Amino acid sequence: MLFGQTFENYNLLAWLRRLRERRLEAYGVALLAVALATLLRFPLAELLAGAAPFTTYSLAIIVVALVCGFWPGMMAVVVSVLTGWFLFLPPAFRFDLSVKEAWTVAIFTVVAIINVGLVSGLVAALLRHEARQLFLFRELQHRSQNLFAVIQAIASRTLIEGQTVANAKDVFTGRLDALARTHSMLAKNAFLGAALKEIVAQELASFSTQTTVTGCDIAVNTRAAENFALIVHELATNAAKYGALSTREVRVDIQCSIEGSNGKGQFRFEWRESGGPPVSPPTRKGFGSAILLEAAKQFSQNVQANYNPHGLTYQLELLLSGIEAPQVEVAPLLKAATP
C-alpha cells in the first residue's frame, strides 16, 4: 500500500522518467551506488565477523534498478560482482575462486539479475501507465475542445437554415447523434481510431436491407472518423428525404478501395444511388452541403458530388496515410467491427 501510494506522486514519476532518459546520469548514479555500497562493506567486515561478501550490494542494486532502470541495474550487478569478488572474497585482491566462493558468486549474480528484472520492470510499467494516462488526458482535452467547436458549428448552421423549430430540432439531434455514436466508438479505442465499416453501418442501420457496403475494412484515425460520420449521416439523410432511400425498391452502394502502397496509397470512398427519384443540385447551401463539400475538402484531396437525374454519386479521394489509424491498432479495430 505504501509502495503504491509513493508511486502515485506525479513529481516522483516525472523525476524517474527524466533520470532514465538521461542515460549518462543514470549510469553515473549506478556507479555511485556501488561505490557507496563498497565503502559501507568495509566497516561491516569488522563489525560482523564472517559477513557475506556481497551484503551491502543487494540493496544498492535494487535501488539502482528502481531509480535508473534495467541496463544501469545490470551494470551495477556486474560491477558489484567484480568488486565484491576482488575485495571481499578470499583470497583478497585476487580473482581466484574456490568451489564454495564460486557458488556464492553465482547465486548472488542470479538473484541480483532477477531483482533487477522485477524491480525495473515494475517501475517501467508504472511509468508507461502514467505516460498513457497523461496522453489520454491531453487527448481528451484536445478532443473536447474540437468537439465543442463542431457542436457549435452544427448548432449555428442548423438554426440559420430557415427551418421551423421542430425541423431544426430533428436535424440538430440527428447530426449530434451521429457525432455521439462515433465518439462512443473512439472512446472504446482510447481515441486512436475506429473502423470505417462500423461507422458506415451505424449511420445506415435503418437502411441495412437497402444498402451494400464493400471494401471499407479500414481503421481510420479520430479526425477522419468524425468527418466520415457526419458525411455518411448527411448522405443518408438526404437519400432518405429526396433520393434512393426514400423508396424501398432501390438501393445505395458504398464502395471503398485502395490504390498504391508504401505510404502513397490513395483511398477512395464512393456513395452511389441508382433507381430512385430524379435528383437535382440543392438550391441553397446549408450545413449538409458544407459537410459534404467544404469540410470534406479540408481532409481529402478530391471531392465530387454529381447530381445525376438517376441518382447522386458522391466520391472522396484521400491519402491513405492521412486517415489511417496507427498500424498497431488497425487489426484490433477491424476485428471489433466484424460480427
Protein backbone atom coordinates (compact mmCIF):
# COMPACT_ATOMS: atom_id res chain seq x y z
CA MET A 1 0.00 0.00 0.00
CA LEU A 2 2.77 2.43 0.94
CA PHE A 3 4.70 1.50 -2.22
CA GLY A 4 1.64 2.16 -4.35
CA GLN A 5 0.89 5.48 -2.67
CA THR A 6 4.51 6.57 -3.10
CA PHE A 7 4.40 5.97 -6.84
CA GLU A 8 1.15 7.87 -7.20
CA ASN A 9 3.23 11.02 -6.78
CA TYR A 10 3.40 12.67 -10.20
CA ASN A 11 6.59 14.61 -9.38
CA LEU A 12 8.39 11.42 -8.38
CA LEU A 13 7.37 9.64 -11.58
CA ALA A 14 8.39 12.65 -13.66
CA TRP A 15 11.80 12.69 -11.95
CA LEU A 16 12.30 8.96 -12.55
CA ARG A 17 11.40 9.37 -16.22
CA ARG A 18 13.84 12.26 -16.66
CA LEU A 19 16.65 10.33 -14.97
CA ARG A 20 16.05 7.24 -17.09
CA GLU A 21 16.10 9.34 -20.24
CA ARG A 22 19.45 10.85 -19.26
CA ARG A 23 21.47 7.70 -19.74
CA LEU A 24 24.82 9.17 -18.70
CA GLU A 25 23.42 10.37 -15.39
CA ALA A 26 21.68 7.05 -14.82
CA TYR A 27 24.89 5.08 -15.25
CA GLY A 28 26.68 7.59 -13.03
CA VAL A 29 24.11 7.01 -10.27
CA ALA A 30 24.63 3.25 -10.68
CA LEU A 31 28.40 3.58 -10.22
CA LEU A 32 27.92 5.89 -7.22
CA ALA A 33 25.56 3.42 -5.56
CA VAL A 34 28.06 0.57 -5.99
CA ALA A 35 30.87 2.78 -4.63
CA LEU A 36 28.82 3.66 -1.54
CA ALA A 37 27.95 0.00 -1.03
CA THR A 38 31.65 -0.85 -1.21
CA LEU A 39 32.58 1.81 1.36
CA LEU A 40 29.82 0.58 3.65
CA ARG A 41 31.03 -3.01 3.30
CA PHE A 42 34.45 -2.33 4.83
CA PRO A 43 33.25 -1.49 8.38
CA LEU A 44 30.84 -4.43 8.27
CA ALA A 45 33.78 -6.76 7.86
CA GLU A 46 34.98 -5.66 11.28
CA LEU A 47 31.57 -5.40 12.95
CA LEU A 48 30.13 -8.63 11.61
CA ALA A 49 32.59 -11.46 11.55
CA GLY A 50 32.08 -13.61 8.52
CA ALA A 51 29.64 -11.21 6.89
CA ALA A 52 28.73 -12.22 3.35
CA PRO A 53 30.97 -10.50 0.79
CA PHE A 54 28.00 -9.05 -1.10
CA THR A 55 26.00 -7.93 1.96
CA THR A 56 25.64 -4.27 1.02
CA TYR A 57 25.47 -4.68 -2.73
CA SER A 58 21.99 -6.21 -2.88
CA LEU A 59 20.31 -3.05 -1.61
CA ALA A 60 22.41 -0.87 -3.92
CA ILE A 61 21.40 -2.95 -6.95
CA ILE A 62 17.70 -2.78 -6.07
CA VAL A 63 17.91 1.00 -5.64
CA VAL A 64 19.67 1.37 -9.00
CA ALA A 65 17.08 -0.82 -10.75
CA LEU A 66 14.29 1.14 -9.10
CA VAL A 67 15.64 4.57 -9.96
CA CYS A 68 17.73 4.13 -13.10
CA GLY A 69 16.20 1.20 -14.94
CA PHE A 70 17.21 -2.19 -16.31
CA TRP A 71 20.56 -1.61 -18.03
CA PRO A 72 22.07 0.62 -15.31
CA GLY A 73 20.88 -2.05 -12.89
CA MET A 74 22.66 -4.75 -14.91
CA MET A 75 25.81 -2.67 -14.91
CA ALA A 76 25.52 -2.35 -11.14
CA VAL A 77 25.28 -6.16 -10.92
CA VAL A 78 28.45 -6.64 -12.98
CA VAL A 79 30.44 -4.00 -11.08
CA SER A 80 29.21 -5.30 -7.71
CA VAL A 81 30.17 -8.88 -8.55
CA LEU A 82 33.65 -7.91 -9.71
CA THR A 83 34.25 -5.52 -6.79
CA GLY A 84 32.96 -7.90 -4.12
CA TRP A 85 34.88 -10.79 -5.65
CA PHE A 86 38.16 -8.86 -5.79
CA LEU A 87 37.94 -7.13 -2.40
CA PHE A 88 35.98 -9.38 -0.08
CA LEU A 89 36.24 -12.98 -1.33
CA PRO A 90 39.30 -14.87 -0.07
CA PRO A 91 41.98 -14.63 -1.17
CA ALA A 92 41.52 -10.82 -1.11
CA PHE A 93 42.72 -8.67 -4.02
CA ARG A 94 42.76 -11.63 -6.36
CA PHE A 95 40.26 -13.16 -8.76
CA ASP A 96 40.86 -16.74 -7.59
CA LEU A 97 37.81 -18.78 -6.60
CA SER A 98 37.23 -21.99 -4.75
CA VAL A 99 34.14 -24.08 -5.42
CA LYS A 100 32.39 -22.57 -2.39
CA GLU A 101 33.13 -18.99 -3.38
CA ALA A 102 32.13 -19.73 -6.98
CA TRP A 103 28.70 -20.84 -5.79
CA THR A 104 28.43 -17.67 -3.68
CA VAL A 105 29.17 -15.50 -6.71
CA ALA A 106 26.80 -17.47 -8.96
CA ILE A 107 23.88 -17.37 -6.52
CA PHE A 108 24.34 -13.65 -5.86
CA THR A 109 24.52 -12.91 -9.59
CA VAL A 110 21.35 -14.86 -10.39
CA VAL A 111 19.37 -13.32 -7.52
CA ALA A 112 20.62 -9.84 -8.41
CA ILE A 113 19.62 -10.21 -12.07
CA ILE A 114 16.15 -11.40 -11.03
CA ASN A 115 15.79 -8.42 -8.70
CA VAL A 116 16.84 -6.03 -11.44
CA GLY A 117 14.35 -7.51 -13.89
CA LEU A 118 11.46 -7.47 -11.45
CA VAL A 119 12.05 -4.05 -9.92
CA SER A 120 12.95 -2.21 -13.12
CA GLY A 121 10.07 -3.89 -14.98
CA LEU A 122 7.58 -2.89 -12.28
CA VAL A 123 8.66 0.74 -12.32
CA ALA A 124 8.78 0.79 -16.13
CA ALA A 125 5.17 -0.48 -16.19
CA LEU A 126 4.15 2.27 -13.77
CA LEU A 127 5.87 4.89 -15.92
CA ARG A 128 4.21 3.59 -19.09
CA HIS A 129 0.84 3.61 -17.35
CA GLU A 130 1.37 7.15 -16.10
CA ALA A 131 2.51 8.32 -19.54
CA ARG A 132 -0.52 6.66 -21.08
CA GLN A 133 -2.83 8.38 -18.60
CA LEU A 134 -1.22 11.73 -19.31
CA PHE A 135 -1.56 11.17 -23.06
CA LEU A 136 -5.22 10.25 -22.70
CA PHE A 137 -5.87 13.30 -20.54
CA ARG A 138 -4.27 15.64 -23.08
CA GLU A 139 -6.00 13.87 -25.96
CA LEU A 140 -9.35 14.10 -24.18
CA GLN A 141 -8.77 17.79 -23.52
CA HIS A 142 -7.90 18.37 -27.17
CA ARG A 143 -10.83 16.29 -28.43
CA SER A 144 -13.24 18.05 -26.08
CA GLN A 145 -12.24 21.43 -27.46
CA ASN A 146 -12.66 20.19 -31.02
CA LEU A 147 -15.96 18.52 -30.17
CA PHE A 148 -17.42 21.69 -28.70
CA ALA A 149 -16.34 23.61 -31.80
CA VAL A 150 -18.03 21.07 -34.06
CA ILE A 151 -21.22 21.11 -31.96
CA GLN A 152 -21.26 24.90 -32.04
CA ALA A 153 -20.88 24.86 -35.82
CA ILE A 154 -23.66 22.28 -36.19
CA ALA A 155 -25.98 24.28 -33.95
CA SER A 156 -25.31 27.65 -35.57
CA ARG A 157 -25.60 26.37 -39.15
CA THR A 158 -28.69 24.27 -38.39
CA LEU A 159 -30.56 27.18 -36.81
CA ILE A 160 -29.96 29.52 -39.74
CA GLU A 161 -31.10 27.12 -42.44
CA GLY A 162 -34.59 28.67 -42.47
CA GLN A 163 -36.34 25.66 -40.90
CA THR A 164 -39.07 25.54 -38.31
CA VAL A 165 -38.07 24.96 -34.72
CA ALA A 166 -39.34 21.37 -34.83
CA ASN A 167 -37.45 20.56 -38.03
CA ALA A 168 -34.30 22.27 -36.78
CA LYS A 169 -34.51 20.23 -33.58
CA ASP A 170 -34.77 16.97 -35.51
CA VAL A 171 -31.90 17.87 -37.83
CA PHE A 172 -29.69 19.03 -34.99
CA THR A 173 -30.45 15.91 -32.93
CA GLY A 174 -29.67 13.62 -35.86
CA ARG A 175 -26.31 15.26 -36.54
CA LEU A 176 -25.43 15.26 -32.86
CA ASP A 177 -26.36 11.57 -32.56
CA ALA A 178 -24.08 10.73 -35.48
CA LEU A 179 -21.21 12.51 -33.78
CA ALA A 180 -22.02 10.88 -30.43
CA ARG A 181 -22.05 7.37 -31.90
CA THR A 182 -18.65 7.89 -33.46
CA HIS A 183 -17.19 9.34 -30.27
CA SER A 184 -18.51 6.33 -28.38
CA MET A 185 -16.54 4.06 -30.74
CA LEU A 186 -13.46 6.25 -30.44
CA ALA A 187 -13.66 6.28 -26.65
CA LYS A 188 -13.62 2.47 -26.59
CA ASN A 189 -10.34 2.59 -28.51
CA ALA A 190 -8.76 5.41 -26.47
CA PHE A 191 -9.37 7.84 -29.36
CA LEU A 192 -6.82 6.04 -31.53
CA GLY A 193 -9.32 5.35 -34.28
CA ALA A 194 -12.43 3.48 -35.34
CA ALA A 195 -13.40 1.02 -38.03
CA LEU A 196 -14.90 2.79 -41.05
CA LYS A 197 -17.12 -0.24 -41.72
CA GLU A 198 -18.67 0.17 -38.29
CA ILE A 199 -19.17 3.92 -38.73
CA VAL A 200 -21.00 3.37 -42.03
CA ALA A 201 -23.04 0.50 -40.59
CA GLN A 202 -24.21 2.57 -37.63
CA GLU A 203 -25.28 5.50 -39.78
CA LEU A 204 -27.15 3.19 -42.17
CA ALA A 205 -28.63 0.87 -39.55
CA SER A 206 -32.20 1.86 -40.52
CA PHE A 207 -31.48 1.06 -44.18
CA SER A 208 -29.42 -2.11 -43.85
CA THR A 209 -31.59 -4.01 -46.34
CA GLN A 210 -31.24 -1.27 -48.96
CA THR A 211 -27.50 -0.65 -48.76
CA THR A 212 -24.42 -2.58 -49.78
CA VAL A 213 -21.03 -1.78 -48.27
CA THR A 214 -17.84 -3.23 -49.76
CA GLY A 215 -14.13 -2.63 -49.24
CA CYS A 216 -14.44 -0.42 -46.15
CA ASP A 217 -12.29 -2.71 -43.97
CA ILE A 218 -10.02 0.04 -42.72
CA ALA A 219 -9.47 1.66 -39.34
CA VAL A 220 -9.42 5.45 -39.61
CA ASN A 221 -7.99 7.97 -37.17
CA THR A 222 -10.08 10.22 -34.96
CA ARG A 223 -10.35 13.20 -37.31
CA ALA A 224 -11.30 11.03 -40.27
CA ALA A 225 -13.83 9.11 -38.16
CA GLU A 226 -15.62 12.32 -37.18
CA ASN A 227 -15.69 13.55 -40.77
CA PHE A 228 -16.91 10.24 -42.20
CA ALA A 229 -19.65 10.01 -39.57
CA LEU A 230 -21.05 13.42 -40.48
CA ILE A 231 -20.63 12.82 -44.22
CA VAL A 232 -22.40 9.44 -44.21
CA HIS A 233 -25.11 10.85 -41.94
CA GLU A 234 -25.78 13.73 -44.35
CA LEU A 235 -25.77 11.42 -47.36
CA ALA A 236 -28.18 9.02 -45.66
CA THR A 237 -30.46 11.85 -44.51
CA ASN A 238 -30.62 13.40 -47.98
CA ALA A 239 -31.18 10.00 -49.60
CA ALA A 240 -34.00 9.21 -47.17
CA LYS A 241 -35.72 12.53 -47.94
CA TYR A 242 -35.12 13.00 -51.61
CA GLY A 243 -33.07 10.15 -53.04
CA ALA A 244 -32.76 6.39 -53.29
CA LEU A 245 -33.56 5.62 -49.66
CA SER A 246 -36.93 7.37 -49.90
CA THR A 247 -38.36 4.24 -51.56
CA ARG A 248 -37.95 0.60 -50.66
CA GLU A 249 -37.34 -0.73 -54.16
CA VAL A 250 -33.92 0.83 -54.81
CA ARG A 251 -30.53 0.53 -53.20
CA VAL A 252 -27.41 2.51 -52.34
CA ASP A 253 -23.95 1.10 -52.98
CA ILE A 254 -20.99 2.25 -50.85
CA GLN A 255 -17.63 1.16 -52.19
CA CYS A 256 -14.19 1.76 -50.73
CA SER A 257 -10.93 0.94 -52.46
CA ILE A 258 -7.19 1.46 -52.02
CA GLU A 259 -4.74 2.08 -54.83
CA GLY A 260 -0.97 2.12 -54.31
CA SER A 261 1.09 1.37 -51.20
CA ASN A 262 4.24 2.29 -49.26
CA GLY A 263 2.76 5.40 -47.70
CA LYS A 264 1.48 6.74 -51.05
CA GLY A 265 -1.73 4.76 -51.23
CA GLN A 266 -4.91 6.52 -52.30
CA PHE A 267 -8.18 5.72 -50.54
CA ARG A 268 -11.44 6.19 -52.42
CA PHE A 269 -14.88 6.36 -50.86
CA GLU A 270 -17.85 6.25 -53.21
CA TRP A 271 -21.57 6.60 -52.48
CA ARG A 272 -23.72 5.68 -55.46
CA GLU A 273 -27.52 5.92 -55.65
CA SER A 274 -29.48 4.47 -58.54
CA GLY A 275 -33.07 3.82 -59.49
CA GLY A 276 -34.58 6.37 -57.15
CA PRO A 277 -36.48 9.58 -57.79
CA PRO A 278 -34.76 12.15 -60.02
CA VAL A 279 -32.36 14.33 -58.05
CA SER A 280 -31.09 17.84 -58.62
CA PRO A 281 -28.40 20.04 -57.02
CA PRO A 282 -29.50 21.83 -53.83
CA THR A 283 -30.81 25.36 -54.34
CA ARG A 284 -29.13 26.65 -51.19
CA LYS A 285 -26.02 25.77 -49.23
CA GLY A 286 -26.80 24.61 -45.72
CA PHE A 287 -24.76 22.72 -43.16
CA GLY A 288 -25.24 19.48 -45.10
CA SER A 289 -23.66 20.95 -48.21
CA ALA A 290 -20.88 22.43 -46.09
CA ILE A 291 -20.09 19.00 -44.64
CA LEU A 292 -20.25 17.16 -47.96
CA LEU A 293 -18.19 19.67 -49.91
CA GLU A 294 -16.40 22.36 -47.92
CA ALA A 295 -15.43 20.37 -44.81
CA ALA A 296 -14.61 17.28 -46.88
CA LYS A 297 -12.11 19.29 -48.93
CA GLN A 298 -10.16 20.06 -45.77
CA PHE A 299 -9.16 16.45 -45.23
CA SER A 300 -9.42 14.97 -48.72
CA GLN A 301 -7.62 15.57 -51.98
CA ASN A 302 -10.63 15.37 -54.26
CA VAL A 303 -14.37 15.68 -53.62
CA GLN A 304 -17.05 15.18 -56.25
CA ALA A 305 -20.82 15.29 -55.92
CA ASN A 306 -22.65 14.51 -59.17
CA TYR A 307 -26.40 15.06 -59.04
CA ASN A 308 -27.31 12.83 -61.96
CA PRO A 309 -31.05 12.52 -62.72
CA HIS A 310 -30.95 8.79 -61.96
CA GLY A 311 -29.18 9.23 -58.62
CA LEU A 312 -26.49 11.00 -56.61
CA THR A 313 -22.88 9.90 -56.89
CA TYR A 314 -20.51 11.17 -54.21
CA GLN A 315 -16.77 10.45 -54.23
CA LEU A 316 -13.88 11.19 -51.90
CA GLU A 317 -10.22 10.59 -52.65
CA LEU A 318 -7.81 10.76 -49.74
CA LEU A 319 -4.21 9.98 -48.98
CA LEU A 320 -4.29 6.72 -47.03
CA SER A 321 -1.56 7.79 -44.62
CA GLY A 322 -3.62 10.84 -43.68
CA ILE A 323 -6.69 8.95 -42.50
CA GLU A 324 -5.45 5.53 -41.39
CA ALA A 325 -5.29 4.76 -37.67
CA PRO A 326 -1.92 3.81 -36.13
CA GLN A 327 -0.88 0.47 -37.63
CA VAL A 328 -0.54 -1.22 -34.23
CA GLU A 329 -4.25 -0.62 -33.66
CA VAL A 330 -5.67 -1.49 -37.09
CA ALA A 331 -6.15 -5.23 -36.56
CA PRO A 332 -7.98 -4.95 -33.17
CA LEU A 333 -10.30 -2.26 -34.54
CA LEU A 334 -11.22 -4.26 -37.61
CA LYS A 335 -11.73 -7.39 -35.54
CA ALA A 336 -14.04 -5.50 -33.19
CA ALA A 337 -16.08 -4.29 -36.16
CA THR A 338 -16.61 -7.79 -37.53
CA PRO A 339 -19.81 -9.52 -36.29
